[in-house]
Every structure is written in structure tokens, then in C-alpha cells.
PDB file of all heavy atoms in Angstrom:
ATOM      1  N   TYR A   1       0.861  -1.173   0.000  1.00  0.00           N
ATOM      2  CA  TYR A   1       0.000   0.000   0.000  1.00  0.00           C
ATOM      3  C   TYR A   1       0.901   1.228   0.000  1.00  0.00           C
ATOM      4  O   TYR A   1       2.122   1.115  -0.142  1.00  0.00           O
ATOM      5  CB  TYR A   1      -0.932  -0.025   1.213  1.00  0.00           C
ATOM      6  CG  TYR A   1      -2.009  -1.095   1.119  1.00  0.00           C
ATOM      7  CD1 TYR A   1      -1.968  -2.222   1.929  1.00  0.00           C
ATOM      8  CD2 TYR A   1      -3.062  -0.971   0.215  1.00  0.00           C
ATOM      9  CE1 TYR A   1      -2.959  -3.198   1.844  1.00  0.00           C
ATOM     10  CE2 TYR A   1      -4.039  -1.940   0.114  1.00  0.00           C
ATOM     11  CZ  TYR A   1      -3.994  -3.054   0.927  1.00  0.00           C
ATOM     12  OH  TYR A   1      -4.967  -4.011   0.837  1.00  0.00           O
ATOM     13  N   GLU A   2       0.306   2.406   0.174  1.00  0.00           N
ATOM     14  CA  GLU A   2       1.087   3.641   0.099  1.00  0.00           C
ATOM     15  C   GLU A   2       2.234   3.665   1.115  1.00  0.00           C
ATOM     16  O   GLU A   2       3.307   4.204   0.840  1.00  0.00           O
ATOM     17  CB  GLU A   2       0.172   4.854   0.332  1.00  0.00           C
ATOM     18  CG  GLU A   2      -0.853   5.098  -0.758  1.00  0.00           C
ATOM     19  CD  GLU A   2      -2.067   4.193  -0.616  1.00  0.00           C
ATOM     20  OE1 GLU A   2      -2.122   3.404   0.358  1.00  0.00           O
ATOM     21  OE2 GLU A   2      -2.960   4.272  -1.483  1.00  0.00           O
ATOM     22  N   ARG A   3       2.017   3.052   2.271  1.00  0.00           N
ATOM     23  CA  ARG A   3       3.031   3.113   3.321  1.00  0.00           C
ATOM     24  C   ARG A   3       4.073   2.011   3.197  1.00  0.00           C
ATOM     25  O   ARG A   3       4.972   1.907   4.029  1.00  0.00           O
ATOM     26  CB  ARG A   3       2.362   3.052   4.691  1.00  0.00           C
ATOM     27  CG  ARG A   3       1.535   1.801   4.921  1.00  0.00           C
ATOM     28  CD  ARG A   3       0.722   1.889   6.197  1.00  0.00           C
ATOM     29  NE  ARG A   3       1.541   1.989   7.392  1.00  0.00           N
ATOM     30  CZ  ARG A   3       1.043   2.083   8.615  1.00  0.00           C
ATOM     31  NH1 ARG A   3      -0.266   2.147   8.794  1.00  0.00           N
ATOM     32  NH2 ARG A   3       1.851   2.153   9.656  1.00  0.00           N
ATOM     33  N   GLY A   4       3.954   1.189   2.173  1.00  0.00           N
ATOM     34  CA  GLY A   4       4.950   0.156   1.961  1.00  0.00           C
ATOM     35  C   GLY A   4       4.359  -1.237   2.031  1.00  0.00           C
ATOM     36  O   GLY A   4       3.143  -1.418   2.012  1.00  0.00           O
ATOM     37  N   PRO A   5       5.232  -2.269   2.111  1.00  0.00           N
ATOM     38  CA  PRO A   5       4.731  -3.646   2.169  1.00  0.00           C
ATOM     39  C   PRO A   5       3.946  -3.883   3.451  1.00  0.00           C
ATOM     40  O   PRO A   5       4.263  -3.331   4.510  1.00  0.00           O
ATOM     41  CB  PRO A   5       6.009  -4.494   2.128  1.00  0.00           C
ATOM     42  CG  PRO A   5       7.093  -3.583   2.601  1.00  0.00           C
ATOM     43  CD  PRO A   5       6.705  -2.205   2.155  1.00  0.00           C
ATOM     44  N   LEU A   6       2.919  -4.704   3.352  1.00  0.00           N
ATOM     45  CA  LEU A   6       2.010  -4.923   4.473  1.00  0.00           C
ATOM     46  C   LEU A   6       2.651  -5.716   5.595  1.00  0.00           C
ATOM     47  O   LEU A   6       2.455  -5.418   6.773  1.00  0.00           O
ATOM     48  CB  LEU A   6       0.755  -5.642   3.959  1.00  0.00           C
ATOM     49  CG  LEU A   6      -0.418  -5.815   4.889  1.00  0.00           C
ATOM     50  CD1 LEU A   6      -0.831  -4.501   5.521  1.00  0.00           C
ATOM     51  CD2 LEU A   6      -1.603  -6.412   4.129  1.00  0.00           C
ATOM     52  N   TRP A   7       3.427  -6.751   5.259  1.00  0.00           N
ATOM     53  CA  TRP A   7       4.015  -7.615   6.277  1.00  0.00           C
ATOM     54  C   TRP A   7       5.536  -7.515   6.258  1.00  0.00           C
ATOM     55  O   TRP A   7       6.145  -7.376   5.200  1.00  0.00           O
ATOM     56  CB  TRP A   7       3.563  -9.065   6.066  1.00  0.00           C
ATOM     57  CG  TRP A   7       2.063  -9.168   6.115  1.00  0.00           C
ATOM     58  CD1 TRP A   7       1.252  -8.889   7.178  1.00  0.00           C
ATOM     59  CD2 TRP A   7       1.186  -9.517   5.041  1.00  0.00           C
ATOM     60  NE1 TRP A   7      -0.070  -9.056   6.833  1.00  0.00           N
ATOM     61  CE2 TRP A   7      -0.152  -9.445   5.538  1.00  0.00           C
ATOM     62  CE3 TRP A   7       1.376  -9.890   3.713  1.00  0.00           C
ATOM     63  CZ2 TRP A   7      -1.262  -9.732   4.751  1.00  0.00           C
ATOM     64  CZ3 TRP A   7       0.267 -10.177   2.922  1.00  0.00           C
ATOM     65  CH2 TRP A   7      -1.033 -10.097   3.445  1.00  0.00           C
ATOM     66  N   THR A   8       6.149  -7.605   7.439  1.00  0.00           N
ATOM     67  CA  THR A   8       7.608  -7.497   7.541  1.00  0.00           C
ATOM     68  C   THR A   8       8.306  -8.627   6.806  1.00  0.00           C
ATOM     69  O   THR A   8       9.406  -8.460   6.292  1.00  0.00           O
ATOM     70  CB  THR A   8       8.039  -7.505   9.018  1.00  0.00           C
ATOM     71  OG1 THR A   8       7.483  -8.669   9.657  1.00  0.00           O
ATOM     72  CG2 THR A   8       7.553  -6.266   9.741  1.00  0.00           C
ATOM     73  N   LYS A   9       7.633  -9.784   6.742  1.00  0.00           N
ATOM     74  CA  LYS A   9       8.184 -10.939   6.046  1.00  0.00           C
ATOM     75  C   LYS A   9       7.115 -11.507   5.132  1.00  0.00           C
ATOM     76  O   LYS A   9       5.968 -11.697   5.550  1.00  0.00           O
ATOM     77  CB  LYS A   9       8.628 -12.003   7.059  1.00  0.00           C
ATOM     78  CG  LYS A   9       9.275 -13.224   6.433  1.00  0.00           C
ATOM     79  CD  LYS A   9       9.697 -14.219   7.509  1.00  0.00           C
ATOM     80  CE  LYS A   9      10.325 -15.462   6.894  1.00  0.00           C
ATOM     81  NZ  LYS A   9      10.718 -16.452   7.937  1.00  0.00           N
ATOM     82  N   PRO A  10       7.438 -11.770   3.865  1.00  0.00           N
ATOM     83  CA  PRO A  10       6.439 -12.359   2.964  1.00  0.00           C
ATOM     84  C   PRO A  10       5.893 -13.670   3.527  1.00  0.00           C
ATOM     85  O   PRO A  10       6.579 -14.391   4.252  1.00  0.00           O
ATOM     86  CB  PRO A  10       7.216 -12.591   1.663  1.00  0.00           C
ATOM     87  CG  PRO A  10       8.339 -11.624   1.715  1.00  0.00           C
ATOM     88  CD  PRO A  10       8.713 -11.515   3.169  1.00  0.00           C
ATOM     89  N   LEU A  11       4.651 -13.966   3.177  1.00  0.00           N
ATOM     90  CA  LEU A  11       3.976 -15.143   3.696  1.00  0.00           C
ATOM     91  C   LEU A  11       4.103 -16.308   2.718  1.00  0.00           C
ATOM     92  O   LEU A  11       3.900 -16.149   1.508  1.00  0.00           O
ATOM     93  CB  LEU A  11       2.492 -14.840   3.919  1.00  0.00           C
ATOM     94  CG  LEU A  11       2.174 -13.672   4.858  1.00  0.00           C
ATOM     95  CD1 LEU A  11       0.663 -13.425   4.900  1.00  0.00           C
ATOM     96  CD2 LEU A  11       2.707 -13.946   6.252  1.00  0.00           C
ATOM     97  N   SER A  12       4.424 -17.475   3.257  1.00  0.00           N
ATOM     98  CA  SER A  12       4.464 -18.708   2.469  1.00  0.00           C
ATOM     99  C   SER A  12       3.828 -19.819   3.287  1.00  0.00           C
ATOM    100  O   SER A  12       4.189 -20.020   4.453  1.00  0.00           O
ATOM    101  CB  SER A  12       5.905 -19.091   2.103  1.00  0.00           C
ATOM    102  OG  SER A  12       6.492 -18.142   1.241  1.00  0.00           O
ATOM    103  N   PHE A  13       2.877 -20.532   2.691  1.00  0.00           N
ATOM    104  CA  PHE A  13       2.256 -21.671   3.369  1.00  0.00           C
ATOM    105  C   PHE A  13       1.453 -22.478   2.361  1.00  0.00           C
ATOM    106  O   PHE A  13       1.098 -21.989   1.283  1.00  0.00           O
ATOM    107  CB  PHE A  13       1.357 -21.220   4.529  1.00  0.00           C
ATOM    108  CG  PHE A  13       0.351 -20.155   4.176  1.00  0.00           C
ATOM    109  CD1 PHE A  13      -0.823 -20.450   3.495  1.00  0.00           C
ATOM    110  CD2 PHE A  13       0.586 -18.831   4.533  1.00  0.00           C
ATOM    111  CE1 PHE A  13      -1.738 -19.470   3.175  1.00  0.00           C
ATOM    112  CE2 PHE A  13      -0.336 -17.833   4.217  1.00  0.00           C
ATOM    113  CZ  PHE A  13      -1.504 -18.165   3.535  1.00  0.00           C
ATOM    114  N   THR A  14       1.179 -23.716   2.726  1.00  0.00           N
ATOM    115  CA  THR A  14       0.258 -24.558   1.962  1.00  0.00           C
ATOM    116  C   THR A  14      -0.804 -25.058   2.926  1.00  0.00           C
ATOM    117  O   THR A  14      -0.469 -25.698   3.925  1.00  0.00           O
ATOM    118  CB  THR A  14       0.990 -25.751   1.314  1.00  0.00           C
ATOM    119  OG1 THR A  14       1.980 -25.264   0.403  1.00  0.00           O
ATOM    120  CG2 THR A  14       0.000 -26.628   0.545  1.00  0.00           C
ATOM    121  N   TRP A  15      -2.050 -24.745   2.637  1.00  0.00           N
ATOM    122  CA  TRP A  15      -3.173 -25.167   3.463  1.00  0.00           C
ATOM    123  C   TRP A  15      -4.090 -26.054   2.626  1.00  0.00           C
ATOM    124  O   TRP A  15      -4.528 -25.658   1.542  1.00  0.00           O
ATOM    125  CB  TRP A  15      -3.965 -23.969   3.971  1.00  0.00           C
ATOM    126  CG  TRP A  15      -3.229 -23.139   4.990  1.00  0.00           C
ATOM    127  CD1 TRP A  15      -2.191 -23.526   5.771  1.00  0.00           C
ATOM    128  CD2 TRP A  15      -3.490 -21.763   5.318  1.00  0.00           C
ATOM    129  NE1 TRP A  15      -1.780 -22.490   6.578  1.00  0.00           N
ATOM    130  CE2 TRP A  15      -2.551 -21.408   6.327  1.00  0.00           C
ATOM    131  CE3 TRP A  15      -4.416 -20.823   4.876  1.00  0.00           C
ATOM    132  CZ2 TRP A  15      -2.531 -20.136   6.892  1.00  0.00           C
ATOM    133  CZ3 TRP A  15      -4.385 -19.556   5.434  1.00  0.00           C
ATOM    134  CH2 TRP A  15      -3.458 -19.219   6.438  1.00  0.00           C
ATOM    135  N   ALA A  16      -4.364 -27.253   3.116  1.00  0.00           N
ATOM    136  CA  ALA A  16      -5.228 -28.190   2.409  1.00  0.00           C
ATOM    137  C   ALA A  16      -6.339 -28.662   3.336  1.00  0.00           C
ATOM    138  O   ALA A  16      -6.109 -28.892   4.530  1.00  0.00           O
ATOM    139  CB  ALA A  16      -4.428 -29.384   1.905  1.00  0.00           C
ATOM    140  N   ALA A  17      -7.525 -28.812   2.783  1.00  0.00           N
ATOM    141  CA  ALA A  17      -8.650 -29.338   3.552  1.00  0.00           C
ATOM    142  C   ALA A  17      -8.407 -30.799   3.892  1.00  0.00           C
ATOM    143  O   ALA A  17      -7.797 -31.532   3.110  1.00  0.00           O
ATOM    144  CB  ALA A  17      -9.939 -29.198   2.745  1.00  0.00           C
ATOM    145  N   PRO A  18      -8.829 -31.251   5.091  1.00  0.00           N
ATOM    146  CA  PRO A  18      -9.518 -30.463   6.118  1.00  0.00           C
ATOM    147  C   PRO A  18      -8.518 -29.739   7.009  1.00  0.00           C
ATOM    148  O   PRO A  18      -7.555 -30.330   7.504  1.00  0.00           O
ATOM    149  CB  PRO A  18     -10.272 -31.534   6.909  1.00  0.00           C
ATOM    150  CG  PRO A  18      -9.414 -32.762   6.796  1.00  0.00           C
ATOM    151  CD  PRO A  18      -8.783 -32.688   5.423  1.00  0.00           C
ATOM    152  N   ARG A  19      -8.774 -28.458   7.202  1.00  0.00           N
ATOM    153  CA  ARG A  19      -7.907 -27.641   8.054  1.00  0.00           C
ATOM    154  C   ARG A  19      -8.680 -26.409   8.481  1.00  0.00           C
ATOM    155  O   ARG A  19      -9.513 -25.908   7.716  1.00  0.00           O
ATOM    156  CB  ARG A  19      -6.653 -27.244   7.288  1.00  0.00           C
ATOM    157  CG  ARG A  19      -5.488 -26.826   8.168  1.00  0.00           C
ATOM    158  CD  ARG A  19      -4.206 -26.897   7.399  1.00  0.00           C
ATOM    159  NE  ARG A  19      -3.059 -26.507   8.217  1.00  0.00           N
ATOM    160  CZ  ARG A  19      -1.813 -26.508   7.779  1.00  0.00           C
ATOM    161  NH1 ARG A  19      -1.547 -26.896   6.544  1.00  0.00           N
ATOM    162  NH2 ARG A  19      -0.815 -26.134   8.574  1.00  0.00           N
ATOM    163  N   ALA A  20      -8.409 -25.913   9.666  1.00  0.00           N
ATOM    164  CA  ALA A  20      -9.105 -24.745  10.185  1.00  0.00           C
ATOM    165  C   ALA A  20      -8.103 -23.825  10.857  1.00  0.00           C
ATOM    166  O   ALA A  20      -7.430 -24.226  11.811  1.00  0.00           O
ATOM    167  CB  ALA A  20     -10.195 -25.161  11.172  1.00  0.00           C
ATOM    168  N   ILE A  21      -7.997 -22.598  10.349  1.00  0.00           N
ATOM    169  CA  ILE A  21      -6.994 -21.650  10.825  1.00  0.00           C
ATOM    170  C   ILE A  21      -7.658 -20.335  11.188  1.00  0.00           C
ATOM    171  O   ILE A  21      -8.420 -19.767  10.382  1.00  0.00           O
ATOM    172  CB  ILE A  21      -5.908 -21.396   9.756  1.00  0.00           C
ATOM    173  CG1 ILE A  21      -5.192 -22.696   9.392  1.00  0.00           C
ATOM    174  CG2 ILE A  21      -4.896 -20.363  10.227  1.00  0.00           C
ATOM    175  CD1 ILE A  21      -5.508 -23.196   8.014  1.00  0.00           C
ATOM    176  N   ALA A  22      -7.373 -19.835  12.370  1.00  0.00           N
ATOM    177  CA  ALA A  22      -7.773 -18.489  12.758  1.00  0.00           C
ATOM    178  C   ALA A  22      -6.650 -17.526  12.386  1.00  0.00           C
ATOM    179  O   ALA A  22      -5.473 -17.798  12.659  1.00  0.00           O
ATOM    180  CB  ALA A  22      -8.050 -18.427  14.253  1.00  0.00           C
ATOM    181  N   ILE A  23      -7.014 -16.412  11.758  1.00  0.00           N
ATOM    182  CA  ILE A  23      -6.042 -15.384  11.390  1.00  0.00           C
ATOM    183  C   ILE A  23      -6.254 -14.213  12.340  1.00  0.00           C
ATOM    184  O   ILE A  23      -7.327 -13.609  12.352  1.00  0.00           O
ATOM    185  CB  ILE A  23      -6.219 -14.963   9.923  1.00  0.00           C
ATOM    186  CG1 ILE A  23      -6.013 -16.179   9.009  1.00  0.00           C
ATOM    187  CG2 ILE A  23      -5.254 -13.847   9.558  1.00  0.00           C
ATOM    188  CD1 ILE A  23      -6.429 -15.953   7.583  1.00  0.00           C
ATOM    189  N   THR A  24      -5.257 -13.930  13.149  1.00  0.00           N
ATOM    190  CA  THR A  24      -5.401 -12.935  14.203  1.00  0.00           C
ATOM    191  C   THR A  24      -4.320 -11.865  14.083  1.00  0.00           C
ATOM    192  O   THR A  24      -3.397 -11.973  13.285  1.00  0.00           O
ATOM    193  CB  THR A  24      -5.336 -13.598  15.589  1.00  0.00           C
ATOM    194  OG1 THR A  24      -4.042 -14.213  15.758  1.00  0.00           O
ATOM    195  CG2 THR A  24      -6.410 -14.668  15.731  1.00  0.00           C
ATOM    196  N   GLY A  25      -4.451 -10.843  14.919  1.00  0.00           N
ATOM    197  CA  GLY A  25      -3.505  -9.739  14.925  1.00  0.00           C
ATOM    198  C   GLY A  25      -4.239  -8.429  15.127  1.00  0.00           C
ATOM    199  O   GLY A  25      -5.462  -8.364  14.972  1.00  0.00           O
ATOM    200  N   PRO A  26      -3.517  -7.378  15.481  1.00  0.00           N
ATOM    201  CA  PRO A  26      -4.163  -6.075  15.697  1.00  0.00           C
ATOM    202  C   PRO A  26      -4.868  -5.576  14.442  1.00  0.00           C
ATOM    203  O   PRO A  26      -4.576  -6.011  13.322  1.00  0.00           O
ATOM    204  CB  PRO A  26      -2.988  -5.157  16.067  1.00  0.00           C
ATOM    205  CG  PRO A  26      -1.893  -6.082  16.507  1.00  0.00           C
ATOM    206  CD  PRO A  26      -2.071  -7.338  15.712  1.00  0.00           C
ATOM    207  N   ASN A  27      -5.778  -4.633  14.625  1.00  0.00           N
ATOM    208  CA  ASN A  27      -6.423  -3.990  13.484  1.00  0.00           C
ATOM    209  C   ASN A  27      -5.367  -3.319  12.611  1.00  0.00           C
ATOM    210  O   ASN A  27      -4.402  -2.730  13.109  1.00  0.00           O
ATOM    211  CB  ASN A  27      -7.433  -2.942  13.962  1.00  0.00           C
ATOM    212  CG  ASN A  27      -8.658  -3.562  14.585  1.00  0.00           C
ATOM    213  OD1 ASN A  27      -9.016  -4.700  14.274  1.00  0.00           O
ATOM    214  ND2 ASN A  27      -9.308  -2.844  15.474  1.00  0.00           N
ATOM    215  N   GLY A  28      -5.556  -3.419  11.299  1.00  0.00           N
ATOM    216  CA  GLY A  28      -4.624  -2.779  10.385  1.00  0.00           C
ATOM    217  C   GLY A  28      -3.422  -3.610  10.010  1.00  0.00           C
ATOM    218  O   GLY A  28      -2.496  -3.096   9.371  1.00  0.00           O
ATOM    219  N   THR A  29      -3.413  -4.885  10.379  1.00  0.00           N
ATOM    220  CA  THR A  29      -2.255  -5.723  10.047  1.00  0.00           C
ATOM    221  C   THR A  29      -2.516  -6.652   8.862  1.00  0.00           C
ATOM    222  O   THR A  29      -1.714  -7.541   8.602  1.00  0.00           O
ATOM    223  CB  THR A  29      -1.816  -6.550  11.271  1.00  0.00           C
ATOM    224  OG1 THR A  29      -2.932  -7.263  11.796  1.00  0.00           O
ATOM    225  CG2 THR A  29      -1.239  -5.650  12.346  1.00  0.00           C
ATOM    226  N   GLY A  30      -3.626  -6.457   8.169  1.00  0.00           N
ATOM    227  CA  GLY A  30      -3.819  -7.151   6.904  1.00  0.00           C
ATOM    228  C   GLY A  30      -4.613  -8.433   6.949  1.00  0.00           C
ATOM    229  O   GLY A  30      -4.522  -9.248   6.027  1.00  0.00           O
ATOM    230  N   LYS A  31      -5.426  -8.628   7.982  1.00  0.00           N
ATOM    231  CA  LYS A  31      -6.222  -9.863   8.045  1.00  0.00           C
ATOM    232  C   LYS A  31      -7.207  -9.933   6.879  1.00  0.00           C
ATOM    233  O   LYS A  31      -7.290 -10.957   6.192  1.00  0.00           O
ATOM    234  CB  LYS A  31      -6.973  -9.939   9.384  1.00  0.00           C
ATOM    235  CG  LYS A  31      -6.065 -10.024  10.601  1.00  0.00           C
ATOM    236  CD  LYS A  31      -6.832 -10.303  11.888  1.00  0.00           C
ATOM    237  CE  LYS A  31      -7.783  -9.188  12.289  1.00  0.00           C
ATOM    238  NZ  LYS A  31      -7.051  -7.939  12.634  1.00  0.00           N
ATOM    239  N   SER A  32      -7.947  -8.851   6.651  1.00  0.00           N
ATOM    240  CA  SER A  32      -8.919  -8.848   5.548  1.00  0.00           C
ATOM    241  C   SER A  32      -8.228  -8.884   4.193  1.00  0.00           C
ATOM    242  O   SER A  32      -8.711  -9.524   3.250  1.00  0.00           O
ATOM    243  CB  SER A  32      -9.833  -7.618   5.646  1.00  0.00           C
ATOM    244  OG  SER A  32     -10.640  -7.678   6.801  1.00  0.00           O
ATOM    245  N   THR A  33      -7.087  -8.223   4.084  1.00  0.00           N
ATOM    246  CA  THR A  33      -6.326  -8.271   2.830  1.00  0.00           C
ATOM    247  C   THR A  33      -5.886  -9.693   2.525  1.00  0.00           C
ATOM    248  O   THR A  33      -5.996 -10.158   1.383  1.00  0.00           O
ATOM    249  CB  THR A  33      -5.098  -7.349   2.911  1.00  0.00           C
ATOM    250  OG1 THR A  33      -5.533  -5.991   3.086  1.00  0.00           O
ATOM    251  CG2 THR A  33      -4.261  -7.446   1.642  1.00  0.00           C
ATOM    252  N   LEU A  34      -5.396 -10.393   3.536  1.00  0.00           N
ATOM    253  CA  LEU A  34      -4.972 -11.781   3.319  1.00  0.00           C
ATOM    254  C   LEU A  34      -6.150 -12.646   2.880  1.00  0.00           C
ATOM    255  O   LEU A  34      -6.014 -13.473   1.965  1.00  0.00           O
ATOM    256  CB  LEU A  34      -4.338 -12.352   4.580  1.00  0.00           C
ATOM    257  CG  LEU A  34      -3.866 -13.804   4.475  1.00  0.00           C
ATOM    258  CD1 LEU A  34      -2.853 -13.974   3.351  1.00  0.00           C
ATOM    259  CD2 LEU A  34      -3.280 -14.282   5.803  1.00  0.00           C
ATOM    260  N   LEU A  35      -7.311 -12.457   3.506  1.00  0.00           N
ATOM    261  CA  LEU A  35      -8.477 -13.236   3.086  1.00  0.00           C
ATOM    262  C   LEU A  35      -8.839 -12.936   1.632  1.00  0.00           C
ATOM    263  O   LEU A  35      -9.216 -13.842   0.885  1.00  0.00           O
ATOM    264  CB  LEU A  35      -9.671 -12.924   3.993  1.00  0.00           C
ATOM    265  CG  LEU A  35      -9.615 -13.469   5.419  1.00  0.00           C
ATOM    266  CD1 LEU A  35     -10.933 -13.192   6.141  1.00  0.00           C
ATOM    267  CD2 LEU A  35      -9.298 -14.961   5.454  1.00  0.00           C
TER     268      LEU A  35
END
């Protein structure tokens, strides 16, 4: 975004069903963007 990259470290993962993950963190840290 305008202020720079959203996360300090790029995200890498593989998620396969069945799996259930909660995405947490303070407001403004990109939870909705990641979704």
C-alpha cells in the first residue's frame, strides 16, 4: 500500500482441507487483505 509492504516478512504456506486456521492480529495488520 502507500506506506509500503504490508508484512515485515512475505507469507508462504500450503493449506489443504480439512484444516481450520484463525487469522489474528491487531487492526490494520492485513487480516482482511490476506483473506
